[in-house]
Amino acid sequence: MSVLLTGIGEDGVIGCKKLGVEGSRCLTETKESAIIDGMPSRAREFVPNIEIYPIENIVKIISEFCE
């Protein structure tokens, strides 16, 4: 699983895209929940299988994944 949260740049987007191609689940924040929407915005634009959730939902998804 890859998770892109608040941030700038696109290094995380590149890694997330590669992981997605390999079958990993890819998550990012909504524009509304990101403090800085640079990297999440790029992920929503360039990662085809990206799942978009508010931060509260991402916390729940990660918790369930780790159980």
Protein backbone atom coordinates (compact mmCIF):
# COMPACT_ATOMS: atom_id res chain seq x y z
CA MET A 1 0.00 0.00 0.00
CA SER A 2 1.24 3.49 -0.78
CA VAL A 3 -0.14 6.64 0.82
CA LEU A 4 0.61 10.18 -0.33
CA LEU A 5 -0.27 12.90 2.13
CA THR A 6 0.33 16.63 2.35
CA GLY A 7 3.46 17.79 0.58
CA ILE A 8 5.07 19.40 -2.43
CA GLY A 9 6.95 17.99 -5.37
CA GLU A 10 6.37 14.81 -7.27
CA ASP A 11 8.92 12.29 -6.02
CA GLY A 12 6.20 10.48 -4.08
CA VAL A 13 3.97 10.51 -7.15
CA ILE A 14 6.63 8.73 -9.19
CA GLY A 15 7.01 6.02 -6.56
CA CYS A 16 3.25 5.66 -6.09
CA LYS A 17 2.74 5.29 -9.84
CA LYS A 18 5.39 2.53 -9.97
CA LEU A 19 3.81 0.72 -7.03
CA GLY A 20 0.36 1.01 -8.60
CA VAL A 21 1.61 -0.59 -11.80
CA GLU A 22 2.86 -3.50 -9.67
CA GLY A 23 -0.58 -3.92 -8.09
CA SER A 24 -0.25 -1.94 -4.86
CA ARG A 25 -3.20 -0.06 -3.48
CA CYS A 26 -2.53 3.71 -3.76
CA LEU A 27 -4.21 6.33 -1.58
CA THR A 28 -4.05 10.11 -1.40
CA GLU A 29 -5.86 12.91 0.40
CA THR A 30 -8.64 15.09 -0.89
CA LYS A 31 -7.83 18.69 -1.70
CA GLU A 32 -9.89 19.73 1.32
CA SER A 33 -7.97 17.64 3.86
CA ALA A 34 -4.43 18.34 2.59
CA ILE A 35 -2.64 21.24 4.27
CA ILE A 36 -0.42 21.54 1.18
CA ASP A 37 -2.08 19.93 -1.83
CA GLY A 38 0.93 19.85 -4.18
CA MET A 39 1.83 16.17 -4.10
CA PRO A 40 -1.72 14.86 -3.54
CA SER A 41 -2.88 16.99 -6.48
CA ARG A 42 -0.15 15.56 -8.74
CA ALA A 43 -1.06 12.04 -7.60
CA ARG A 44 -4.74 12.59 -8.43
CA GLU A 45 -3.65 13.76 -11.86
CA PHE A 46 -0.98 11.18 -12.75
CA VAL A 47 -1.66 7.94 -10.84
CA PRO A 48 -4.42 6.10 -12.72
CA ASN A 49 -5.61 3.82 -9.90
CA ILE A 50 -5.31 6.34 -7.06
CA GLU A 51 -8.00 6.24 -4.37
CA ILE A 52 -8.93 9.65 -2.95
CA TYR A 53 -10.17 10.02 0.63
CA PRO A 54 -10.30 12.59 3.43
CA ILE A 55 -7.50 12.08 5.95
CA GLU A 56 -9.90 10.56 8.51
CA ASN A 57 -10.77 7.76 6.09
CA ILE A 58 -7.10 7.16 5.27
CA VAL A 59 -6.33 6.66 8.96
CA LYS A 60 -9.09 4.03 9.16
CA ILE A 61 -7.90 2.27 5.97
CA ILE A 62 -4.31 2.09 7.25
CA SER A 63 -5.50 0.75 10.63
CA GLU A 64 -7.56 -1.96 8.94
CA PHE A 65 -4.67 -2.84 6.64
CA CYS A 66 -2.36 -3.33 9.63
CA GLU A 67 -4.74 -5.63 11.55
